[in-house]
Amino acid sequence: MLQLRIAQGSRSRRALGRTLLAAALLTAVTAVPAVAAAPRTPQASKAPQTPQAQRAQQAPAAAHGGIGTPAYQQVAHFYGAYIDAVSAEGGGELAASLRKFYLTPQLRSRLDAWERRNHADGVLRAQNVPLALRVTPGDSATGHTWSTVRLTWSRGEHPTYSYLTVRSDLATGRISDIGD
């Protein structure tokens, strides 16, 4: 279970830090496919190699930065960066880039339609930004895994929560559905 809390006094510093981190990650991850697709040059020396070196040369580079990361952690990374982006002044471009990177095209299309109907953010299912979030892993089956995202909307003795069910594709690591 991953949990993020946003301190009231340091909210803008954390938002800026996470926003910059997310931008750097997006920049780095988009460079990986270009490097992986570059043609390999023949080796100058035909000296014998260790088995580990041979496997390293033959192993394909990951095209998606988080394939080795558990799906619920990918969901937590997305929601943490997305909340920071939408709460930061001028974070709209970053939020759109995060959606493009983490969400499948089909989900982005469904979210656009949902947002037009409901006049709210489809990822958060709300018109405002939560104070904290927690992501809990769920079941996996038929190439998908589900996570539960708990969004915290108020502080105090009786905080208000909303819960989202998020489906991720195991093959791509991308989020393919968000439901209430």
C-alpha atoms as a PDB file:
ATOM      1  CA  MET A   1       0.000   0.000   0.000  1.00  0.00           C
ATOM      2  CA  LEU A   2       1.374   3.389  -0.950  1.00  0.00           C
ATOM      3  CA  GLN A   3       0.131   6.504   0.735  1.00  0.00           C
ATOM      4  CA  LEU A   4       0.882  10.123  -0.030  1.00  0.00           C
ATOM      5  CA  ARG A   5      -0.031  13.012   2.211  1.00  0.00           C
ATOM      6  CA  ILE A   6       0.367  16.616   1.242  1.00  0.00           C
ATOM      7  CA  ALA A   7       1.416  18.890   4.114  1.00  0.00           C
ATOM      8  CA  GLN A   8      -0.457  22.151   4.115  1.00  0.00           C
ATOM      9  CA  GLY A   9       2.584  24.457   4.446  1.00  0.00           C
ATOM     10  CA  SER A  10       4.870  22.660   2.015  1.00  0.00           C
ATOM     11  CA  ARG A  11       2.246  21.758  -0.577  1.00  0.00           C
ATOM     12  CA  SER A  12       3.548  24.098  -3.282  1.00  0.00           C
ATOM     13  CA  ARG A  13       7.194  23.012  -2.801  1.00  0.00           C
ATOM     14  CA  ARG A  14       6.262  19.347  -2.982  1.00  0.00           C
ATOM     15  CA  ALA A  15       4.015  19.951  -5.967  1.00  0.00           C
ATOM     16  CA  LEU A  16       6.802  21.747  -7.776  1.00  0.00           C
ATOM     17  CA  GLY A  17       9.310  19.030  -6.877  1.00  0.00           C
ATOM     18  CA  ARG A  18       7.055  16.201  -8.036  1.00  0.00           C
ATOM     19  CA  THR A  19       6.080  18.120 -11.135  1.00  0.00           C
ATOM     20  CA  LEU A  20       9.728  18.581 -12.067  1.00  0.00           C
ATOM     21  CA  LEU A  21      10.443  14.923 -11.297  1.00  0.00           C
ATOM     22  CA  ALA A  22       7.524  13.801 -13.465  1.00  0.00           C
ATOM     23  CA  ALA A  23       8.699  16.019 -16.319  1.00  0.00           C
ATOM     24  CA  ALA A  24      12.221  14.602 -16.049  1.00  0.00           C
ATOM     25  CA  LEU A  25      10.883  11.036 -16.009  1.00  0.00           C
ATOM     26  CA  LEU A  26       8.735  11.657 -19.071  1.00  0.00           C
ATOM     27  CA  THR A  27      11.723  13.120 -20.896  1.00  0.00           C
ATOM     28  CA  ALA A  28      13.948  10.193 -19.938  1.00  0.00           C
ATOM     29  CA  VAL A  29      11.376   7.527 -20.779  1.00  0.00           C
ATOM     30  CA  THR A  30      10.622   8.942 -24.209  1.00  0.00           C
ATOM     31  CA  ALA A  31      14.329   8.667 -25.043  1.00  0.00           C
ATOM     32  CA  VAL A  32      14.414   4.914 -24.265  1.00  0.00           C
ATOM     33  CA  PRO A  33      12.524   3.732 -27.395  1.00  0.00           C
ATOM     34  CA  ALA A  34      14.794   5.835 -29.618  1.00  0.00           C
ATOM     35  CA  VAL A  35      17.906   4.309 -28.080  1.00  0.00           C
ATOM     36  CA  ALA A  36      16.422   0.802 -28.229  1.00  0.00           C
ATOM     37  CA  ALA A  37      15.555   1.195 -31.917  1.00  0.00           C
ATOM     38  CA  ALA A  38      19.004   2.475 -32.896  1.00  0.00           C
ATOM     39  CA  PRO A  39      20.940   0.012 -35.054  1.00  0.00           C
ATOM     40  CA  ARG A  40      23.703  -1.838 -33.312  1.00  0.00           C
ATOM     41  CA  THR A  41      27.208  -1.463 -34.606  1.00  0.00           C
ATOM     42  CA  PRO A  42      29.310  -4.574 -35.087  1.00  0.00           C
ATOM     43  CA  GLN A  43      31.929  -5.204 -32.469  1.00  0.00           C
ATOM     44  CA  ALA A  44      35.473  -4.268 -33.338  1.00  0.00           C
ATOM     45  CA  SER A  45      36.891  -7.243 -31.502  1.00  0.00           C
ATOM     46  CA  LYS A  46      35.788 -10.850 -31.796  1.00  0.00           C
ATOM     47  CA  ALA A  47      37.197 -11.704 -28.369  1.00  0.00           C
ATOM     48  CA  PRO A  48      35.136 -14.252 -26.418  1.00  0.00           C
ATOM     49  CA  GLN A  49      32.507 -12.737 -24.162  1.00  0.00           C
ATOM     50  CA  THR A  50      31.084 -13.876 -20.876  1.00  0.00           C
ATOM     51  CA  PRO A  51      27.565 -15.342 -20.966  1.00  0.00           C
ATOM     52  CA  GLN A  52      26.288 -12.321 -18.997  1.00  0.00           C
ATOM     53  CA  ALA A  53      27.678  -9.900 -21.604  1.00  0.00           C
ATOM     54  CA  GLN A  54      26.091 -11.923 -24.420  1.00  0.00           C
ATOM     55  CA  ARG A  55      22.675 -11.883 -22.674  1.00  0.00           C
ATOM     56  CA  ALA A  56      22.954  -8.141 -22.043  1.00  0.00           C
ATOM     57  CA  GLN A  57      23.544  -7.517 -25.760  1.00  0.00           C
ATOM     58  CA  GLN A  58      20.626  -9.723 -26.781  1.00  0.00           C
ATOM     59  CA  ALA A  59      18.114  -8.428 -24.211  1.00  0.00           C
ATOM     60  CA  PRO A  60      15.615  -5.936 -25.648  1.00  0.00           C
ATOM     61  CA  ALA A  61      15.332  -2.575 -23.946  1.00  0.00           C
ATOM     62  CA  ALA A  62      12.045  -1.853 -22.214  1.00  0.00           C
ATOM     63  CA  ALA A  63       9.870   0.533 -24.207  1.00  0.00           C
ATOM     64  CA  HIS A  64       7.808   1.549 -21.167  1.00  0.00           C
ATOM     65  CA  GLY A  65       9.691   2.811 -18.163  1.00  0.00           C
ATOM     66  CA  GLY A  66       7.649   0.986 -15.529  1.00  0.00           C
ATOM     67  CA  ILE A  67       7.151  -2.525 -16.922  1.00  0.00           C
ATOM     68  CA  GLY A  68       9.178  -4.058 -14.075  1.00  0.00           C
ATOM     69  CA  THR A  69       7.273  -2.034 -11.474  1.00  0.00           C
ATOM     70  CA  PRO A  70       4.180  -3.565  -9.849  1.00  0.00           C
ATOM     71  CA  ALA A  71       1.023  -2.132 -11.393  1.00  0.00           C
ATOM     72  CA  TYR A  72      -0.266  -0.580  -8.178  1.00  0.00           C
ATOM     73  CA  GLN A  73       3.012   1.352  -7.844  1.00  0.00           C
ATOM     74  CA  GLN A  74       2.592   2.600 -11.418  1.00  0.00           C
ATOM     75  CA  VAL A  75      -0.897   3.760 -10.453  1.00  0.00           C
ATOM     76  CA  ALA A  76       0.503   5.507  -7.362  1.00  0.00           C
ATOM     77  CA  HIS A  77       3.219   7.196  -9.440  1.00  0.00           C
ATOM     78  CA  PHE A  78       0.637   8.387 -11.948  1.00  0.00           C
ATOM     79  CA  TYR A  79      -1.847   9.695  -9.388  1.00  0.00           C
ATOM     80  CA  GLY A  80       0.845  11.401  -7.301  1.00  0.00           C
ATOM     81  CA  ALA A  81       2.346  13.184 -10.310  1.00  0.00           C
ATOM     82  CA  TYR A  82      -1.073  13.927 -11.823  1.00  0.00           C
ATOM     83  CA  ILE A  83      -2.420  15.516  -8.631  1.00  0.00           C
ATOM     84  CA  ASP A  84       0.709  17.655  -8.379  1.00  0.00           C
ATOM     85  CA  ALA A  85       0.410  18.675 -12.028  1.00  0.00           C
ATOM     86  CA  VAL A  86      -3.259  19.696 -11.844  1.00  0.00           C
ATOM     87  CA  SER A  87      -2.728  21.568  -8.585  1.00  0.00           C
ATOM     88  CA  ALA A  88       0.338  23.460  -9.882  1.00  0.00           C
ATOM     89  CA  GLU A  89      -0.157  26.725 -11.692  1.00  0.00           C
ATOM     90  CA  GLY A  90       0.308  26.108 -15.412  1.00  0.00           C
ATOM     91  CA  GLY A  91       0.484  22.312 -14.960  1.00  0.00           C
ATOM     92  CA  GLY A  92      -2.038  21.565 -17.708  1.00  0.00           C
ATOM     93  CA  GLU A  93       0.561  20.505 -20.279  1.00  0.00           C
ATOM     94  CA  LEU A  94       2.240  18.178 -17.800  1.00  0.00           C
ATOM     95  CA  ALA A  95      -1.111  16.668 -16.795  1.00  0.00           C
ATOM     96  CA  ALA A  96      -1.874  16.023 -20.482  1.00  0.00           C
ATOM     97  CA  SER A  97       1.569  14.450 -20.964  1.00  0.00           C
ATOM     98  CA  LEU A  98       1.066  12.236 -17.934  1.00  0.00           C
ATOM     99  CA  ARG A  99      -2.296  11.090 -19.302  1.00  0.00           C
ATOM    100  CA  LYS A 100      -0.720  10.323 -22.665  1.00  0.00           C
ATOM    101  CA  PHE A 101       2.100   8.336 -21.085  1.00  0.00           C
ATOM    102  CA  TYR A 102       0.218   6.380 -18.390  1.00  0.00           C
ATOM    103  CA  LEU A 103      -3.274   5.921 -19.896  1.00  0.00           C
ATOM    104  CA  THR A 104      -4.324   3.873 -22.909  1.00  0.00           C
ATOM    105  CA  PRO A 105      -5.734   5.817 -25.891  1.00  0.00           C
ATOM    106  CA  GLN A 106      -9.142   4.159 -25.396  1.00  0.00           C
ATOM    107  CA  LEU A 107      -9.293   5.306 -21.764  1.00  0.00           C
ATOM    108  CA  ARG A 108      -8.273   8.841 -22.696  1.00  0.00           C
ATOM    109  CA  SER A 109     -11.139   8.921 -25.200  1.00  0.00           C
ATOM    110  CA  ARG A 110     -13.653   7.648 -22.609  1.00  0.00           C
ATOM    111  CA  LEU A 111     -12.369  10.173 -20.056  1.00  0.00           C
ATOM    112  CA  ASP A 112     -12.850  13.031 -22.526  1.00  0.00           C
ATOM    113  CA  ALA A 113     -16.482  12.008 -23.024  1.00  0.00           C
ATOM    114  CA  TRP A 114     -17.009  11.581 -19.260  1.00  0.00           C
ATOM    115  CA  GLU A 115     -15.526  15.031 -18.577  1.00  0.00           C
ATOM    116  CA  ARG A 116     -17.798  16.707 -21.141  1.00  0.00           C
ATOM    117  CA  ARG A 117     -20.862  15.098 -19.535  1.00  0.00           C
ATOM    118  CA  ASN A 118     -19.876  15.688 -15.907  1.00  0.00           C
ATOM    119  CA  HIS A 119     -17.861  18.938 -16.063  1.00  0.00           C
ATOM    120  CA  ALA A 120     -15.182  17.442 -13.801  1.00  0.00           C
ATOM    121  CA  ASP A 121     -11.758  15.804 -14.027  1.00  0.00           C
ATOM    122  CA  GLY A 122     -12.261  12.204 -15.148  1.00  0.00           C
ATOM    123  CA  VAL A 123      -9.064  10.894 -13.558  1.00  0.00           C
ATOM    124  CA  LEU A 124     -10.017  12.243 -10.127  1.00  0.00           C
ATOM    125  CA  ARG A 125     -13.793  12.059 -10.691  1.00  0.00           C
ATOM    126  CA  ALA A 126     -14.037  15.512  -9.088  1.00  0.00           C
ATOM    127  CA  GLN A 127     -13.877  19.233  -9.747  1.00  0.00           C
ATOM    128  CA  ASN A 128     -11.197  19.894  -7.137  1.00  0.00           C
ATOM    129  CA  VAL A 129      -7.890  18.325  -6.044  1.00  0.00           C
ATOM    130  CA  PRO A 130      -7.595  15.824  -3.151  1.00  0.00           C
ATOM    131  CA  LEU A 131      -5.360  16.390  -0.126  1.00  0.00           C
ATOM    132  CA  ALA A 132      -3.884  12.875  -0.091  1.00  0.00           C
ATOM    133  CA  LEU A 133      -4.121   9.497  -1.770  1.00  0.00           C
ATOM    134  CA  ARG A 134      -3.532   5.848  -1.000  1.00  0.00           C
ATOM    135  CA  VAL A 135      -3.201   3.028  -3.525  1.00  0.00           C
ATOM    136  CA  THR A 136      -3.877  -0.579  -2.561  1.00  0.00           C
ATOM    137  CA  PRO A 137      -3.175  -3.545  -4.851  1.00  0.00           C
ATOM    138  CA  GLY A 138      -6.036  -5.788  -5.858  1.00  0.00           C
ATOM    139  CA  ASP A 139      -6.678  -8.920  -7.893  1.00  0.00           C
ATOM    140  CA  SER A 140      -5.199  -9.849 -11.257  1.00  0.00           C
ATOM    141  CA  ALA A 141      -6.775 -11.891 -14.041  1.00  0.00           C
ATOM    142  CA  THR A 142      -6.869 -12.179 -17.826  1.00  0.00           C
ATOM    143  CA  GLY A 143      -3.950  -9.835 -18.408  1.00  0.00           C
ATOM    144  CA  HIS A 144      -5.211  -7.081 -16.094  1.00  0.00           C
ATOM    145  CA  THR A 145      -4.764  -6.080 -12.488  1.00  0.00           C
ATOM    146  CA  TRP A 146      -6.929  -3.847 -10.346  1.00  0.00           C
ATOM    147  CA  SER A 147      -5.919  -1.304  -7.724  1.00  0.00           C
ATOM    148  CA  THR A 148      -8.015   0.739  -5.338  1.00  0.00           C
ATOM    149  CA  VAL A 149      -7.230   4.440  -5.087  1.00  0.00           C
ATOM    150  CA  ARG A 150      -8.497   6.222  -1.977  1.00  0.00           C
ATOM    151  CA  LEU A 151      -8.596  10.000  -2.352  1.00  0.00           C
ATOM    152  CA  THR A 152      -8.751  12.090   0.835  1.00  0.00           C
ATOM    153  CA  TRP A 153     -10.785  15.291   0.473  1.00  0.00           C
ATOM    154  CA  SER A 154     -10.833  16.751   3.997  1.00  0.00           C
ATOM    155  CA  ARG A 155      -8.872  16.686   7.250  1.00  0.00           C
ATOM    156  CA  GLY A 156      -9.986  16.441  10.824  1.00  0.00           C
ATOM    157  CA  GLU A 157     -11.668  13.873  12.973  1.00  0.00           C
ATOM    158  CA  HIS A 158     -13.927  12.610  10.165  1.00  0.00           C
ATOM    159  CA  PRO A 159     -12.115  12.992   6.816  1.00  0.00           C
ATOM    160  CA  THR A 160     -13.999  12.520   3.579  1.00  0.00           C
ATOM    161  CA  TYR A 161     -12.818   9.848   1.144  1.00  0.00           C
ATOM    162  CA  SER A 162     -13.708   8.680  -2.324  1.00  0.00           C
ATOM    163  CA  TYR A 163     -12.629   5.396  -3.844  1.00  0.00           C
ATOM    164  CA  LEU A 164     -11.710   4.577  -7.432  1.00  0.00           C
ATOM    165  CA  THR A 165     -11.080   1.211  -9.021  1.00  0.00           C
ATOM    166  CA  VAL A 166      -8.216   1.411 -11.493  1.00  0.00           C
ATOM    167  CA  ARG A 167      -7.491  -1.345 -14.040  1.00  0.00           C
ATOM    168  CA  SER A 168      -4.005  -1.714 -15.513  1.00  0.00           C
ATOM    169  CA  ASP A 169      -2.879  -3.857 -18.439  1.00  0.00           C
ATOM    170  CA  LEU A 170      -0.144  -6.227 -17.308  1.00  0.00           C
ATOM    171  CA  ALA A 171       1.460  -6.399 -20.767  1.00  0.00           C
ATOM    172  CA  THR A 172       1.917  -2.641 -21.211  1.00  0.00           C
ATOM    173  CA  GLY A 173       1.765  -1.336 -17.649  1.00  0.00           C
ATOM    174  CA  ARG A 174      -0.710   1.321 -18.777  1.00  0.00           C
ATOM    175  CA  ILE A 175      -3.934   2.220 -16.990  1.00  0.00           C
ATOM    176  CA  SER A 176      -6.871   1.003 -19.083  1.00  0.00           C
ATOM    177  CA  ASP A 177      -9.904   1.916 -16.948  1.00  0.00           C
ATOM    178  CA  ILE A 178     -10.918   4.110 -14.030  1.00  0.00           C
ATOM    179  CA  GLY A 179     -14.226   3.503 -12.301  1.00  0.00           C
ATOM    180  CA  ASP A 180     -16.084   4.749  -9.241  1.00  0.00           C
END
